[in-house]
Amino acid sequence: MNTIDEIFVISFYDNEDRINNICEMQEKFSKKFTIIKPVKDDRPERSLLKTNLKIWLENLNKNILIFEDDFFTRYSKDEIQIKLNFFYEQVDDFDVLLLGGDVYKGERINSDLIKVNNFTETHAILYNKNILPKLFSKLAPDILKDNIHIDQVLSNYVCEEGLKCFVISPFLFTQQNFPSLINDINKINSKYDIDHLFKKEFDNNSIKILAFEFNDDVFCIQYTLTNKVDCNLKVKVLAVDVNSGIRVLDHNMDLGYGINYYSESGRFLLLKDEVFFEIYHNHRIMIRKKIKKQSI
C-alpha cells in the first residue's frame, strides 16, 4: 500500500480481546501498525478528538490511516489492496477516504464508490496529507466546545467546506462488539453485524412476508405467522445492510398470529440499496430474506 505512509491504531492496548483483534488485522497489511494510547481527558469523546488531533499534528506531511481498536474486516489482505487500487484508479485527488462508518448523505458515483458529505463513525479513515493542516487548524478549537465528537465535527467540516470525501462500497471495515474504546465498559457496539458478508437467505416456513415497502424514507414489512400459536412469540426483528453490515433496524417485539407491521424512517436509509430482513426467536433464525430498495 504505497499511498499510505503510516497506519495508527488508537488503543489502550490492555485488553486481551482488542489486542488479539489488532494482531489479526495486522496480518492484512504490509505496513506495521503504530499503537497510540488515547490522550487522557475527563470526557471520553474529547479524549478521542484530542488523540486524533495529536496524530494529525505529528504527521502533517504524511498520508495516514487511523483505526480505532475495534475495527474489523472479513476481507483478505489481497482483497483490501485490490479495492484500494481500484479507488486510486478512479479518483485522482481526495481529502478523506472512509474505509468504514455510516454514510447519511452522499452521491453514488458508481456501484463501488460514493462521494460523501454527511457520515458518522471514525473507526477506519485514510487522510490525505494535503488536508491534515486544514483539519487540525479547524478542529483543534472544538476540544473546548460541547460538540466535541470527532465524527460530528469532521462530518460537519466535510460538508461545510465541500471536502473531497469518499467511501468504498461495500465498506471495507466494520466494528467488533467490544466494550467502548474510552472508559465505558458497559457500552457495547451493536450497530454492526460483522458476519454480513456470509449471510444467506433462510426460511423455516413459519413466517410469510405478504408485502413490503423500502425506499429512501420508509422501511415497512407486512408479515404473518403461517401457523397459529397459543401465545405471542418474543422475537428480534433485524434489517442489516447487505453492503456494510450496518443494522438499520433492531427491534424486540411480540409476534402474534395476526399480521404485523414495522416501519422505520430516517436519513440512514438513503444510501442503503439492499438489506437482509431477519426474524429470530430464542436466538434461532426463522427467516432471512433479501429486500431490495424500490424505485419511486
Protein backbone atom coordinates (compact mmCIF):
# COMPACT_ATOMS: atom_id res chain seq x y z
CA MET A 1 0.00 0.00 0.00
CA ASN A 2 2.42 2.61 -1.27
CA THR A 3 -0.02 5.51 -0.88
CA ILE A 4 -0.25 5.01 2.90
CA ASP A 5 2.77 6.31 4.82
CA GLU A 6 1.73 5.34 8.35
CA ILE A 7 -1.01 3.26 9.98
CA PHE A 8 -2.10 4.12 13.53
CA VAL A 9 -4.39 2.25 15.92
CA ILE A 10 -5.87 4.15 18.86
CA SER A 11 -5.91 1.72 21.78
CA PHE A 12 -5.07 1.40 25.47
CA TYR A 13 -3.66 -1.98 24.35
CA ASP A 14 -4.52 -3.52 27.71
CA ASN A 15 -7.48 -5.70 26.76
CA GLU A 16 -6.83 -9.23 25.51
CA ASP A 17 -9.73 -9.27 23.04
CA ARG A 18 -8.73 -5.96 21.49
CA ILE A 19 -5.06 -6.89 21.37
CA ASN A 20 -5.92 -10.15 19.58
CA ASN A 21 -8.13 -8.23 17.18
CA ILE A 22 -5.34 -5.77 16.35
CA CYS A 23 -2.91 -8.63 15.78
CA GLU A 24 -5.39 -10.36 13.47
CA MET A 25 -5.97 -7.16 11.50
CA GLN A 26 -2.22 -6.50 11.29
CA GLU A 27 -1.89 -9.58 9.08
CA LYS A 28 -4.00 -7.83 6.44
CA PHE A 29 -1.44 -5.04 5.91
CA SER A 30 2.19 -4.96 4.79
CA LYS A 31 2.89 -1.86 6.88
CA LYS A 32 3.26 -2.31 10.64
CA PHE A 33 0.74 -0.63 12.93
CA THR A 34 1.75 2.07 15.41
CA ILE A 35 -0.29 1.85 18.62
CA ILE A 36 -1.32 5.24 20.05
CA LYS A 37 -2.75 5.36 23.56
CA PRO A 38 -5.68 7.76 23.99
CA VAL A 39 -4.93 11.20 25.41
CA LYS A 40 -6.32 11.44 28.94
CA ASP A 41 -9.39 13.58 29.47
CA ASP A 42 -12.37 13.50 31.82
CA ARG A 43 -14.68 13.43 28.79
CA PRO A 44 -14.26 10.25 26.67
CA GLU A 45 -15.42 11.90 23.45
CA ARG A 46 -12.95 14.77 23.93
CA SER A 47 -10.19 12.24 24.58
CA LEU A 48 -10.81 10.63 21.20
CA LEU A 49 -10.79 14.00 19.44
CA LYS A 50 -7.58 15.03 21.20
CA THR A 51 -5.92 11.76 20.24
CA ASN A 52 -6.75 12.25 16.57
CA LEU A 53 -5.52 15.85 16.71
CA LYS A 54 -2.24 14.63 18.23
CA ILE A 55 -1.77 12.09 15.43
CA TRP A 56 -2.57 14.69 12.75
CA LEU A 57 -0.20 17.29 14.21
CA GLU A 58 2.72 14.84 14.36
CA ASN A 59 2.15 13.59 10.80
CA LEU A 60 1.18 16.67 8.76
CA ASN A 61 3.35 15.62 5.82
CA LYS A 62 2.11 12.03 5.59
CA ASN A 63 -0.84 10.10 4.21
CA ILE A 64 -2.10 8.39 7.35
CA LEU A 65 -4.63 5.67 8.09
CA ILE A 66 -6.17 5.79 11.57
CA PHE A 67 -8.07 2.88 13.10
CA GLU A 68 -9.88 2.59 16.42
CA ASP A 69 -9.08 -0.74 18.01
CA ASP A 70 -12.48 -2.36 17.44
CA PHE A 71 -12.09 -2.16 13.64
CA PHE A 72 -12.71 -5.39 11.80
CA THR A 73 -12.89 -6.84 8.31
CA ARG A 74 -13.54 -10.23 6.74
CA TYR A 75 -11.68 -9.21 3.60
CA SER A 76 -8.25 -10.65 2.90
CA LYS A 77 -5.07 -8.64 2.50
CA ASP A 78 -5.19 -9.04 -1.29
CA GLU A 79 -8.87 -8.07 -1.47
CA ILE A 80 -8.22 -4.88 0.51
CA GLN A 81 -5.32 -3.96 -1.75
CA ILE A 82 -7.36 -4.58 -4.90
CA LYS A 83 -10.19 -2.36 -3.65
CA LEU A 84 -7.80 0.42 -2.68
CA ASN A 85 -6.02 0.22 -6.03
CA PHE A 86 -9.37 0.43 -7.80
CA PHE A 87 -10.19 3.55 -5.77
CA TYR A 88 -6.89 5.21 -6.70
CA GLU A 89 -7.53 4.45 -10.37
CA GLN A 90 -10.92 6.19 -10.22
CA VAL A 91 -10.07 9.19 -8.03
CA ASP A 92 -7.18 11.49 -8.89
CA ASP A 93 -7.42 13.57 -5.74
CA PHE A 94 -9.15 13.13 -2.39
CA ASP A 95 -9.06 14.58 1.12
CA VAL A 96 -10.64 11.83 3.21
CA LEU A 97 -11.38 8.19 2.41
CA LEU A 98 -13.76 6.36 4.75
CA LEU A 99 -12.99 2.66 4.99
CA GLY A 100 -15.92 2.16 7.36
CA GLY A 101 -18.68 4.08 9.10
CA ASP A 102 -22.22 5.01 8.21
CA VAL A 103 -22.98 7.40 5.34
CA TYR A 104 -26.11 9.52 5.71
CA LYS A 105 -25.81 11.74 2.65
CA GLY A 106 -23.77 11.45 -0.50
CA GLU A 107 -23.71 10.90 -4.23
CA ARG A 108 -23.18 7.42 -5.62
CA ILE A 109 -20.50 7.70 -8.31
CA ASN A 110 -20.84 4.05 -9.30
CA SER A 111 -21.52 0.70 -7.62
CA ASP A 112 -18.11 0.81 -5.90
CA LEU A 113 -17.78 4.45 -4.87
CA ILE A 114 -19.77 7.12 -3.02
CA LYS A 115 -18.95 10.84 -2.70
CA VAL A 116 -19.80 11.66 0.93
CA ASN A 117 -20.92 14.83 2.69
CA ASN A 118 -22.55 13.52 5.89
CA PHE A 119 -21.40 10.50 7.87
CA THR A 120 -20.72 9.10 11.31
CA GLU A 121 -18.11 6.80 12.91
CA THR A 122 -14.33 7.23 12.64
CA HIS A 123 -13.03 3.70 13.24
CA ALA A 124 -11.26 3.48 9.85
CA ILE A 125 -10.23 6.63 7.96
CA LEU A 126 -7.44 7.42 5.48
CA TYR A 127 -6.36 11.08 5.42
CA ASN A 128 -4.54 12.76 2.56
CA LYS A 129 -1.55 14.76 3.84
CA ASN A 130 -2.76 17.82 1.94
CA ILE A 131 -5.85 18.14 4.16
CA LEU A 132 -4.29 17.47 7.57
CA PRO A 133 -3.05 21.03 8.32
CA LYS A 134 -6.51 22.41 7.47
CA LEU A 135 -8.27 19.78 9.56
CA PHE A 136 -6.06 20.45 12.56
CA SER A 137 -6.43 24.24 12.45
CA LYS A 138 -10.19 23.93 12.05
CA LEU A 139 -10.97 21.20 14.57
CA ALA A 140 -8.43 21.91 17.33
CA PRO A 141 -10.61 24.71 18.82
CA ASP A 142 -13.54 22.28 19.07
CA ILE A 143 -11.98 20.47 22.02
CA LEU A 144 -13.31 23.31 24.19
CA LYS A 145 -16.84 23.14 22.82
CA ASP A 146 -19.77 20.90 23.69
CA ASN A 147 -19.89 19.47 20.16
CA ILE A 148 -16.66 17.52 20.50
CA HIS A 149 -17.49 14.14 19.00
CA ILE A 150 -14.89 13.75 16.27
CA ASP A 151 -17.27 12.17 13.78
CA GLN A 152 -19.69 15.09 14.17
CA VAL A 153 -17.14 17.87 13.81
CA LEU A 154 -15.34 16.07 10.99
CA SER A 155 -18.55 15.36 9.09
CA ASN A 156 -19.69 18.96 9.55
CA TYR A 157 -16.37 20.25 8.21
CA VAL A 158 -16.52 17.89 5.22
CA CYS A 159 -19.98 19.23 4.39
CA GLU A 160 -19.28 22.93 5.06
CA GLU A 161 -16.00 23.04 3.13
CA GLY A 162 -17.02 20.66 0.37
CA LEU A 163 -14.09 18.36 1.01
CA LYS A 164 -13.39 15.52 -1.37
CA CYS A 165 -14.56 12.73 0.91
CA PHE A 166 -15.29 9.25 -0.44
CA VAL A 167 -16.23 5.81 0.75
CA ILE A 168 -15.57 2.50 -0.95
CA SER A 169 -18.75 0.46 -1.31
CA PRO A 170 -19.21 -2.06 0.18
CA PHE A 171 -17.38 -0.78 3.26
CA LEU A 172 -14.07 -2.50 3.94
CA PHE A 173 -14.22 -2.27 7.75
CA THR A 174 -16.91 -2.54 10.40
CA GLN A 175 -16.59 -2.70 14.21
CA GLN A 176 -16.35 -5.61 16.60
CA ASN A 177 -18.73 -5.92 19.55
CA PHE A 178 -16.21 -4.85 22.16
CA PRO A 179 -16.72 -2.55 25.15
CA SER A 180 -16.38 1.10 24.22
CA LEU A 181 -12.86 2.33 23.42
CA ILE A 182 -12.84 5.03 26.08
CA ASN A 183 -13.75 4.24 29.71
CA ASP A 184 -17.26 2.82 29.27
CA ILE A 185 -17.20 -0.92 29.80
CA ASN A 186 -20.98 -1.16 29.74
CA LYS A 187 -21.43 0.36 26.30
CA ILE A 188 -21.41 -2.36 23.64
CA ASN A 189 -21.33 -1.55 19.95
CA SER A 190 -24.21 -3.44 18.37
CA LYS A 191 -24.55 -1.25 15.29
CA TYR A 192 -22.68 -3.63 13.00
CA ASP A 193 -23.22 -7.22 12.00
CA ILE A 194 -19.72 -8.49 11.28
CA ASP A 195 -20.99 -11.65 9.60
CA HIS A 196 -22.99 -9.81 6.93
CA LEU A 197 -20.65 -10.93 4.13
CA PHE A 198 -21.54 -14.58 4.78
CA LYS A 199 -25.28 -14.28 5.23
CA LYS A 200 -27.58 -16.38 3.02
CA GLU A 201 -31.32 -16.37 2.69
CA PHE A 202 -33.14 -18.77 5.01
CA ASP A 203 -36.77 -19.66 5.64
CA ASN A 204 -38.18 -22.30 8.03
CA ASN A 205 -41.64 -21.61 6.56
CA SER A 206 -43.07 -20.35 9.85
CA ILE A 207 -43.39 -16.76 8.61
CA LYS A 208 -44.86 -15.42 5.40
CA ILE A 209 -43.98 -11.97 4.06
CA LEU A 210 -47.08 -10.51 2.45
CA ALA A 211 -45.76 -7.16 1.26
CA PHE A 212 -43.04 -4.61 1.91
CA GLU A 213 -42.09 -1.02 1.19
CA PHE A 214 -38.43 0.06 1.13
CA ASN A 215 -37.39 3.45 -0.22
CA ASP A 216 -35.31 6.42 0.96
CA ASP A 217 -37.72 7.29 3.75
CA VAL A 218 -39.55 4.14 4.79
CA PHE A 219 -38.80 0.52 5.57
CA CYS A 220 -42.05 -1.35 6.20
CA ILE A 221 -42.72 -5.10 6.19
CA GLN A 222 -46.12 -6.81 6.38
CA TYR A 223 -45.91 -10.42 7.53
CA THR A 224 -47.76 -13.12 9.45
CA LEU A 225 -47.18 -16.48 11.09
CA THR A 226 -48.22 -19.43 8.93
CA ASN A 227 -49.33 -21.49 11.95
CA LYS A 228 -51.45 -20.34 14.85
CA VAL A 229 -49.72 -20.26 18.24
CA ASP A 230 -51.15 -20.26 21.76
CA CYS A 231 -49.18 -17.22 22.87
CA ASN A 232 -47.20 -14.46 21.28
CA LEU A 233 -43.62 -15.24 20.30
CA LYS A 234 -40.94 -12.93 21.65
CA VAL A 235 -38.74 -12.22 18.65
CA LYS A 236 -35.96 -9.93 17.49
CA VAL A 237 -36.53 -8.23 14.14
CA LEU A 238 -33.45 -7.06 12.23
CA ALA A 239 -32.63 -5.43 8.93
CA VAL A 240 -28.94 -5.49 8.00
CA ASP A 241 -27.46 -3.52 5.11
CA VAL A 242 -26.03 -6.06 2.66
CA ASN A 243 -23.05 -3.86 1.72
CA SER A 244 -21.89 -2.56 5.09
CA GLY A 245 -23.33 -4.80 7.81
CA ILE A 246 -24.95 -1.77 9.44
CA ARG A 247 -28.18 -2.61 11.26
CA VAL A 248 -30.85 -0.21 10.01
CA LEU A 249 -33.45 -1.98 12.15
CA ASP A 250 -33.09 -3.73 15.52
CA HIS A 251 -36.36 -4.27 17.35
CA ASN A 252 -37.65 -6.63 20.06
CA MET A 253 -41.35 -7.40 19.86
CA ASP A 254 -44.07 -9.96 20.44
CA LEU A 255 -45.11 -11.67 17.23
CA GLY A 256 -48.67 -12.98 17.22
CA TYR A 257 -50.65 -14.90 14.64
CA GLY A 258 -52.12 -11.75 13.16
CA ILE A 259 -50.49 -9.51 10.59
CA ASN A 260 -47.71 -7.31 11.93
CA TYR A 261 -46.11 -4.19 10.60
CA TYR A 262 -42.88 -2.47 11.45
CA SER A 263 -41.64 0.69 9.84
CA GLU A 264 -38.59 2.84 10.34
CA SER A 265 -37.70 6.07 8.59
CA GLY A 266 -34.66 8.29 8.67
CA ARG A 267 -31.60 9.51 6.85
CA PHE A 268 -29.73 6.21 7.36
CA LEU A 269 -31.92 4.59 4.68
CA LEU A 270 -30.82 6.97 1.90
CA LEU A 271 -27.77 5.07 0.67
CA LYS A 272 -28.91 1.57 1.55
CA ASP A 273 -29.80 -0.39 -1.59
CA GLU A 274 -30.47 -3.85 -0.20
CA VAL A 275 -30.93 -5.36 3.26
CA PHE A 276 -31.29 -8.73 4.90
CA PHE A 277 -34.61 -8.76 6.76
CA GLU A 278 -34.40 -11.24 9.64
CA ILE A 279 -36.53 -12.55 12.49
CA TYR A 280 -35.07 -14.57 15.39
CA HIS A 281 -36.85 -16.48 18.17
CA ASN A 282 -34.80 -17.82 21.09
CA HIS A 283 -31.67 -16.83 19.14
CA ARG A 284 -32.66 -19.11 16.27
CA ILE A 285 -33.38 -17.63 12.89
CA MET A 286 -36.89 -18.04 11.49
CA ILE A 287 -36.46 -16.12 8.25
CA ARG A 288 -33.79 -14.15 6.38
CA LYS A 289 -34.77 -12.52 3.12
CA LYS A 290 -33.01 -10.04 0.85
CA ILE A 291 -35.12 -6.95 0.30
CA LYS A 292 -34.10 -4.53 -2.47
CA LYS A 293 -34.95 -0.85 -2.41
CA GLN A 294 -37.86 0.09 -4.65
CA SER A 295 -37.60 2.95 -7.11
CA ILE A 296 -40.18 5.67 -6.53
